[in-house]
Protein backbone atom coordinates (compact mmCIF):
# COMPACT_ATOMS: atom_id res chain seq x y z
CA UNK A 1 -6.49 -19.79 -2.63
CA UNK A 2 -8.03 -16.66 -4.09
CA UNK A 3 -6.01 -14.68 -6.63
CA UNK A 4 -5.44 -11.08 -5.51
CA UNK A 5 -4.75 -8.84 -8.48
CA UNK A 6 -5.30 -5.44 -6.87
CA UNK A 7 -2.23 -3.38 -6.17
CA UNK A 8 -1.94 -0.50 -3.73
CA UNK A 9 -1.81 2.10 -6.51
CA UNK A 10 -5.44 1.20 -7.38
CA UNK A 11 -6.77 1.90 -3.85
CA UNK A 12 -9.12 4.93 -3.96
CA UNK A 13 -8.58 7.79 -1.54
CA UNK A 14 -10.46 7.27 1.72
CA UNK A 15 -10.64 3.47 1.30
CA UNK A 16 -8.99 0.88 3.51
CA UNK A 17 -7.37 -2.39 2.52
CA UNK A 18 -5.28 -5.23 3.93
CA UNK A 19 -1.84 -6.02 2.59
CA UNK A 20 -1.74 -9.50 1.06
CA UNK A 21 1.83 -9.72 -0.28
CA UNK A 22 4.89 -7.78 -1.46
CA UNK A 23 6.37 -8.30 -4.90
CA UNK A 24 9.32 -5.98 -4.27
CA UNK A 25 12.86 -7.32 -3.96
CA UNK A 26 16.14 -6.22 -2.45
CA UNK A 27 16.51 -2.83 -0.74
CA UNK A 28 13.02 -1.70 -1.76
CA UNK A 29 11.47 -4.74 -0.08
CA UNK A 30 13.57 -4.18 3.05
CA UNK A 31 12.48 -0.51 3.19
CA UNK A 32 8.80 -1.47 2.85
CA UNK A 33 9.12 -4.05 5.61
CA UNK A 34 10.89 -1.50 7.84
CA UNK A 35 7.97 0.91 7.29
CA UNK A 36 5.51 -1.72 8.51
CA UNK A 37 4.22 -2.79 5.13
CA UNK A 38 3.73 -6.45 6.01
CA UNK A 39 1.06 -9.08 5.38
CA UNK A 40 -2.31 -8.52 7.09
CA UNK A 41 -1.53 -4.89 7.93
CA UNK A 42 -4.33 -2.38 7.43
CA UNK A 43 -3.57 0.48 5.03
CA UNK A 44 -5.65 3.51 4.05
CA UNK A 45 -5.17 5.94 1.16
CA UNK A 46 -5.36 9.40 2.77
CA UNK A 47 -4.17 12.07 0.35
CA UNK A 48 -2.45 12.49 -2.99
CA UNK A 49 0.10 15.11 -3.87
CA UNK A 50 -0.95 17.85 -6.34
CA UNK A 51 0.63 15.86 -9.19
CA UNK A 52 -1.06 12.64 -8.01
CA UNK A 53 2.19 10.87 -7.14
CA UNK A 54 3.13 10.04 -4.40
CA UNK A 55 0.09 9.20 -2.30
CA UNK A 56 0.06 9.37 1.50
CA UNK A 57 -1.08 6.17 3.22
CA UNK A 58 -1.92 5.58 6.88
CA UNK A 59 0.01 2.50 8.01
CA UNK A 60 0.15 1.47 11.68
CA UNK A 61 -0.56 5.03 12.83
CA UNK A 62 2.07 6.65 10.59
CA UNK A 63 1.44 8.67 7.44
CA UNK A 64 3.80 7.41 4.74
CA UNK A 65 4.16 8.67 1.16
CA UNK A 66 4.59 5.91 -1.41
CA UNK A 67 5.27 6.44 -5.11
CA UNK A 68 3.05 4.62 -7.59
CA UNK A 69 6.09 2.70 -8.86
CA UNK A 70 6.49 1.13 -5.41
CA UNK A 71 2.72 0.88 -4.73
CA UNK A 72 2.37 -1.38 -7.78
CA UNK A 73 4.49 -3.95 -5.94
CA UNK A 74 2.13 -4.15 -2.94
CA UNK A 75 -0.80 -6.55 -3.33
CA UNK A 76 -3.94 -5.70 -1.39
CA UNK A 77 -7.48 -6.82 -0.61
CA UNK A 78 -9.95 -3.95 -0.15
CA UNK A 79 -11.93 -4.04 3.11
CA UNK A 80 -15.66 -4.28 2.51
CA UNK A 81 -16.71 -2.59 5.76
């Protein structure tokens, strides 16, 4: 199995990726799952706030703001097309 070391906070604006895994635990993990952040889901970095944190991501048709602290717990694989 390939080792995925990219985390969502490293996804450039305008790029798409697939979620590979979640490293979050407890209530944070439950919240992410409730928002549709699950394995094999497509995610796209759309816009950052003026301060750069949080970043708005398009997930399953919804625009969701995620702080970098939480984005570091989401493992991704960047789409090549």
